[in-house]
Amino acid sequence: EEEVDALREIFDVANLQWEQGRDPCTLPQVKCRDGRTLRLCLISRNITSLPESIGQLQFLKTLWLSGNKLSSLPKSVGQLQSLQALFLNNNQLTELPGSTLEL
C-alpha cells in the first residue's frame, strides 16, 4: 500500500495519468515482479522535484530520471537499498544528497 501511494505521488510530479484502481505494474513506466516495483522509467517528463516518498520503493533496482529539470534529489533516495542503477544525465543537479553515497 505504501508503495502504491509513493508511485501515485511520483506519477503526479511527472504529470502522468493513472486511473484509480489500476495496478501500477501494468503501466509502461513501471516494471514489477511479484507486485514489487523493480524499475521506474521517468525520462524527459519535466520533473523539477521528487517526493520524499520515493524512498518507500524499497525493491527498486533501476531508476531512470534522465532529461528532466531536477536540481536536487530528496534525501530519501538514500533509503533505496536495492538500487543498482540511477540515471540522472541531462538534469540540473549540482550536488547529490550524502545519503546516496551509502547506496
N, C-alpha and C. Protein backbone atom coordinates (compact mmCIF):
# COMPACT_ATOMS: atom_id res chain seq x y z
N GLU A 1 0.82 -1.21 0.00
CA GLU A 1 0.00 0.00 0.00
C GLU A 1 0.85 1.26 0.00
N GLU A 2 1.91 1.29 0.84
CA GLU A 2 2.82 2.44 0.85
C GLU A 2 3.48 2.62 -0.49
N GLU A 3 3.84 1.50 -1.12
CA GLU A 3 4.49 1.56 -2.42
C GLU A 3 3.56 2.16 -3.46
N VAL A 4 2.30 1.78 -3.45
CA VAL A 4 1.32 2.32 -4.40
C VAL A 4 1.13 3.82 -4.17
N ASP A 5 1.05 4.24 -2.91
CA ASP A 5 0.91 5.66 -2.59
C ASP A 5 2.13 6.44 -3.08
N ALA A 6 3.31 5.88 -2.89
CA ALA A 6 4.54 6.53 -3.34
C ALA A 6 4.55 6.67 -4.86
N LEU A 7 4.18 5.62 -5.56
CA LEU A 7 4.12 5.68 -7.01
C LEU A 7 3.12 6.73 -7.48
N ARG A 8 2.00 6.82 -6.81
CA ARG A 8 0.98 7.81 -7.19
C ARG A 8 1.56 9.24 -7.05
N GLU A 9 2.27 9.50 -5.97
CA GLU A 9 2.88 10.82 -5.77
C GLU A 9 3.93 11.10 -6.84
N ILE A 10 4.72 10.09 -7.18
CA ILE A 10 5.75 10.25 -8.21
C ILE A 10 5.11 10.51 -9.56
N PHE A 11 4.06 9.78 -9.88
CA PHE A 11 3.36 9.99 -11.15
C PHE A 11 2.74 11.38 -11.21
N ASP A 12 2.29 11.91 -10.09
CA ASP A 12 1.72 13.26 -10.06
C ASP A 12 2.78 14.29 -10.48
N VAL A 13 3.99 14.21 -9.92
CA VAL A 13 5.02 15.18 -10.28
C VAL A 13 5.52 14.98 -11.70
N ALA A 14 5.34 13.79 -12.25
CA ALA A 14 5.76 13.50 -13.63
C ALA A 14 4.64 13.79 -14.63
N ASN A 15 3.51 14.32 -14.14
CA ASN A 15 2.36 14.63 -15.00
C ASN A 15 1.90 13.42 -15.80
N LEU A 16 1.88 12.28 -15.15
CA LEU A 16 1.41 11.05 -15.79
C LEU A 16 0.05 10.67 -15.20
N GLN A 17 -0.83 10.23 -16.05
CA GLN A 17 -2.17 9.83 -15.61
C GLN A 17 -2.16 8.38 -15.14
N TRP A 18 -2.91 8.14 -14.09
CA TRP A 18 -3.02 6.80 -13.54
C TRP A 18 -4.46 6.63 -13.07
N GLU A 19 -5.17 5.77 -13.74
CA GLU A 19 -6.58 5.56 -13.42
C GLU A 19 -6.73 4.91 -12.05
N GLN A 20 -7.69 5.39 -11.30
CA GLN A 20 -7.98 4.84 -9.97
C GLN A 20 -8.25 3.34 -10.08
N GLY A 21 -7.64 2.56 -9.22
CA GLY A 21 -7.85 1.13 -9.19
C GLY A 21 -6.96 0.33 -10.14
N ARG A 22 -6.22 1.00 -11.01
CA ARG A 22 -5.35 0.29 -11.95
C ARG A 22 -4.08 -0.17 -11.24
N ASP A 23 -3.68 -1.38 -11.52
CA ASP A 23 -2.45 -1.93 -10.96
C ASP A 23 -1.26 -1.17 -11.55
N PRO A 24 -0.41 -0.57 -10.70
CA PRO A 24 0.73 0.19 -11.23
C PRO A 24 1.68 -0.67 -12.06
N CYS A 25 1.69 -1.96 -11.83
CA CYS A 25 2.59 -2.85 -12.57
C CYS A 25 2.17 -3.01 -14.03
N THR A 26 0.98 -2.54 -14.38
CA THR A 26 0.53 -2.60 -15.76
C THR A 26 0.89 -1.34 -16.54
N LEU A 27 1.46 -0.36 -15.88
CA LEU A 27 1.83 0.89 -16.53
C LEU A 27 3.16 0.72 -17.27
N PRO A 28 3.31 1.36 -18.43
CA PRO A 28 4.54 1.16 -19.22
C PRO A 28 5.80 1.70 -18.55
N GLN A 29 5.67 2.64 -17.63
CA GLN A 29 6.84 3.22 -16.96
C GLN A 29 7.33 2.38 -15.79
N VAL A 30 6.59 1.34 -15.45
CA VAL A 30 6.88 0.55 -14.25
C VAL A 30 7.14 -0.91 -14.64
N LYS A 31 8.16 -1.50 -14.07
CA LYS A 31 8.43 -2.93 -14.23
C LYS A 31 8.40 -3.55 -12.85
N CYS A 32 7.58 -4.58 -12.69
CA CYS A 32 7.40 -5.22 -11.39
C CYS A 32 7.69 -6.72 -11.46
N ARG A 33 7.91 -7.28 -10.30
CA ARG A 33 7.94 -8.73 -10.12
C ARG A 33 7.30 -9.01 -8.78
N ASP A 34 6.34 -9.90 -8.77
CA ASP A 34 5.62 -10.27 -7.55
C ASP A 34 5.03 -9.04 -6.85
N GLY A 35 4.54 -8.08 -7.65
CA GLY A 35 3.91 -6.89 -7.10
C GLY A 35 4.85 -5.86 -6.54
N ARG A 36 6.15 -6.06 -6.71
CA ARG A 36 7.16 -5.12 -6.20
C ARG A 36 7.74 -4.33 -7.36
N THR A 37 7.86 -3.03 -7.19
CA THR A 37 8.41 -2.17 -8.22
C THR A 37 9.92 -2.37 -8.30
N LEU A 38 10.39 -2.82 -9.48
CA LEU A 38 11.81 -3.05 -9.68
C LEU A 38 12.46 -1.95 -10.52
N ARG A 39 11.72 -1.46 -11.52
CA ARG A 39 12.26 -0.43 -12.41
C ARG A 39 11.23 0.67 -12.60
N LEU A 40 11.71 1.90 -12.69
CA LEU A 40 10.84 3.04 -12.90
C LEU A 40 11.52 3.94 -13.94
N CYS A 41 10.82 4.21 -15.03
CA CYS A 41 11.37 4.98 -16.13
C CYS A 41 10.59 6.29 -16.28
N LEU A 42 11.24 7.39 -15.93
CA LEU A 42 10.62 8.70 -15.98
C LEU A 42 11.51 9.66 -16.77
N ILE A 43 11.87 9.27 -17.98
CA ILE A 43 12.76 10.07 -18.83
C ILE A 43 11.97 11.21 -19.48
N SER A 44 12.58 12.40 -19.45
CA SER A 44 12.05 13.59 -20.14
C SER A 44 10.59 13.89 -19.78
N ARG A 45 10.31 13.98 -18.48
CA ARG A 45 8.95 14.27 -18.01
C ARG A 45 8.85 15.68 -17.40
N ASN A 46 9.87 16.51 -17.56
CA ASN A 46 9.89 17.86 -17.00
C ASN A 46 9.72 17.86 -15.48
N ILE A 47 10.26 16.86 -14.84
CA ILE A 47 10.18 16.75 -13.38
C ILE A 47 11.17 17.73 -12.74
N THR A 48 10.68 18.56 -11.84
CA THR A 48 11.55 19.52 -11.15
C THR A 48 11.92 19.06 -9.74
N SER A 49 11.12 18.17 -9.17
CA SER A 49 11.42 17.63 -7.84
C SER A 49 10.72 16.29 -7.67
N LEU A 50 11.26 15.49 -6.78
CA LEU A 50 10.67 14.19 -6.46
C LEU A 50 10.17 14.21 -5.02
N PRO A 51 9.08 13.50 -4.74
CA PRO A 51 8.60 13.44 -3.35
C PRO A 51 9.49 12.56 -2.48
N GLU A 52 9.54 12.87 -1.20
CA GLU A 52 10.30 12.05 -0.25
C GLU A 52 9.82 10.60 -0.25
N SER A 53 8.58 10.39 -0.63
CA SER A 53 8.02 9.03 -0.62
C SER A 53 8.72 8.08 -1.59
N ILE A 54 9.58 8.59 -2.46
CA ILE A 54 10.30 7.70 -3.36
C ILE A 54 11.13 6.69 -2.56
N GLY A 55 11.53 7.06 -1.38
CA GLY A 55 12.31 6.16 -0.52
C GLY A 55 11.55 4.92 -0.08
N GLN A 56 10.23 4.90 -0.28
CA GLN A 56 9.41 3.74 0.10
C GLN A 56 9.46 2.62 -0.95
N LEU A 57 10.08 2.88 -2.09
CA LEU A 57 10.17 1.85 -3.13
C LEU A 57 11.39 0.97 -2.83
N GLN A 58 11.28 0.21 -1.77
CA GLN A 58 12.43 -0.50 -1.23
C GLN A 58 12.99 -1.61 -2.11
N PHE A 59 12.26 -2.03 -3.14
CA PHE A 59 12.75 -3.08 -4.03
C PHE A 59 13.22 -2.52 -5.37
N LEU A 60 13.18 -1.19 -5.52
CA LEU A 60 13.56 -0.54 -6.77
C LEU A 60 15.04 -0.80 -7.07
N LYS A 61 15.30 -1.34 -8.27
CA LYS A 61 16.67 -1.64 -8.68
C LYS A 61 17.21 -0.63 -9.69
N THR A 62 16.34 -0.12 -10.56
CA THR A 62 16.77 0.81 -11.60
C THR A 62 15.82 1.99 -11.67
N LEU A 63 16.39 3.19 -11.69
CA LEU A 63 15.59 4.41 -11.75
C LEU A 63 16.16 5.32 -12.84
N TRP A 64 15.33 5.56 -13.86
CA TRP A 64 15.71 6.44 -14.96
C TRP A 64 15.05 7.80 -14.75
N LEU A 65 15.86 8.82 -14.58
CA LEU A 65 15.37 10.19 -14.41
C LEU A 65 16.04 11.15 -15.39
N SER A 66 16.63 10.64 -16.43
CA SER A 66 17.36 11.46 -17.40
C SER A 66 16.43 12.45 -18.09
N GLY A 67 17.00 13.59 -18.48
CA GLY A 67 16.28 14.56 -19.29
C GLY A 67 15.16 15.29 -18.56
N ASN A 68 15.32 15.49 -17.28
CA ASN A 68 14.32 16.24 -16.51
C ASN A 68 14.91 17.58 -16.08
N LYS A 69 14.31 18.21 -15.11
CA LYS A 69 14.76 19.51 -14.62
C LYS A 69 15.06 19.46 -13.13
N LEU A 70 15.58 18.33 -12.70
CA LEU A 70 15.89 18.14 -11.29
C LEU A 70 17.12 18.96 -10.90
N SER A 71 17.01 19.74 -9.84
CA SER A 71 18.17 20.46 -9.33
C SER A 71 18.68 19.81 -8.04
N SER A 72 17.87 18.90 -7.49
CA SER A 72 18.27 18.17 -6.28
C SER A 72 17.45 16.89 -6.20
N LEU A 73 17.87 16.02 -5.32
CA LEU A 73 17.16 14.77 -5.04
C LEU A 73 16.78 14.75 -3.57
N PRO A 74 15.65 14.13 -3.24
CA PRO A 74 15.29 14.03 -1.82
C PRO A 74 16.27 13.11 -1.08
N LYS A 75 16.48 13.37 0.18
CA LYS A 75 17.37 12.54 0.99
C LYS A 75 16.91 11.09 1.02
N SER A 76 15.61 10.88 0.87
CA SER A 76 15.07 9.52 0.95
C SER A 76 15.58 8.61 -0.17
N VAL A 77 16.20 9.16 -1.20
CA VAL A 77 16.80 8.32 -2.25
C VAL A 77 17.84 7.39 -1.61
N GLY A 78 18.45 7.84 -0.54
CA GLY A 78 19.42 7.01 0.17
C GLY A 78 18.81 5.79 0.84
N GLN A 79 17.48 5.73 0.93
CA GLN A 79 16.80 4.58 1.53
C GLN A 79 16.56 3.47 0.51
N LEU A 80 16.88 3.72 -0.75
CA LEU A 80 16.64 2.73 -1.81
C LEU A 80 17.78 1.71 -1.80
N GLN A 81 17.76 0.83 -0.82
CA GLN A 81 18.85 -0.11 -0.59
C GLN A 81 19.03 -1.13 -1.71
N SER A 82 18.00 -1.38 -2.51
CA SER A 82 18.11 -2.33 -3.61
C SER A 82 18.59 -1.68 -4.91
N LEU A 83 18.70 -0.35 -4.91
CA LEU A 83 19.03 0.39 -6.12
C LEU A 83 20.41 0.01 -6.65
N GLN A 84 20.45 -0.39 -7.93
CA GLN A 84 21.70 -0.76 -8.57
C GLN A 84 22.11 0.22 -9.66
N ALA A 85 21.12 0.92 -10.25
CA ALA A 85 21.42 1.88 -11.33
C ALA A 85 20.51 3.09 -11.20
N LEU A 86 21.13 4.27 -11.27
CA LEU A 86 20.42 5.53 -11.17
C LEU A 86 20.90 6.42 -12.31
N PHE A 87 20.00 6.75 -13.25
CA PHE A 87 20.35 7.54 -14.42
C PHE A 87 19.84 8.96 -14.25
N LEU A 88 20.78 9.91 -14.18
CA LEU A 88 20.44 11.30 -13.88
C LEU A 88 20.98 12.29 -14.91
N ASN A 89 21.49 11.80 -16.03
CA ASN A 89 22.08 12.71 -17.00
C ASN A 89 21.04 13.69 -17.55
N ASN A 90 21.53 14.83 -18.00
CA ASN A 90 20.70 15.89 -18.58
C ASN A 90 19.64 16.41 -17.60
N ASN A 91 20.08 16.70 -16.39
CA ASN A 91 19.28 17.38 -15.38
C ASN A 91 20.03 18.64 -14.97
N GLN A 92 19.60 19.27 -13.92
CA GLN A 92 20.25 20.50 -13.45
C GLN A 92 20.84 20.30 -12.06
N LEU A 93 21.30 19.09 -11.81
CA LEU A 93 21.84 18.75 -10.49
C LEU A 93 23.21 19.39 -10.28
N THR A 94 23.40 19.96 -9.11
CA THR A 94 24.69 20.50 -8.75
C THR A 94 25.34 19.66 -7.64
N GLU A 95 24.53 18.89 -6.94
CA GLU A 95 25.05 18.00 -5.90
C GLU A 95 24.03 16.90 -5.62
N LEU A 96 24.50 15.85 -4.99
CA LEU A 96 23.65 14.75 -4.59
C LEU A 96 23.59 14.70 -3.07
N PRO A 97 22.47 14.25 -2.50
CA PRO A 97 22.44 14.14 -1.04
C PRO A 97 23.48 13.13 -0.56
N GLY A 98 24.07 13.39 0.57
CA GLY A 98 25.08 12.48 1.12
C GLY A 98 24.59 11.06 1.26
N SER A 99 23.28 10.90 1.45
CA SER A 99 22.72 9.56 1.64
C SER A 99 22.89 8.69 0.40
N THR A 100 23.05 9.29 -0.79
CA THR A 100 23.22 8.48 -1.99
C THR A 100 24.58 7.81 -2.02
N LEU A 101 25.54 8.33 -1.28
CA LEU A 101 26.86 7.73 -1.23
C LEU A 101 26.85 6.40 -0.49
N GLU A 102 25.82 6.16 0.27
CA GLU A 102 25.71 4.91 1.04
C GLU A 102 25.08 3.78 0.23
N LEU A 103 24.60 4.09 -0.95
CA LEU A 103 23.93 3.06 -1.78
C LEU A 103 24.92 2.08 -2.34
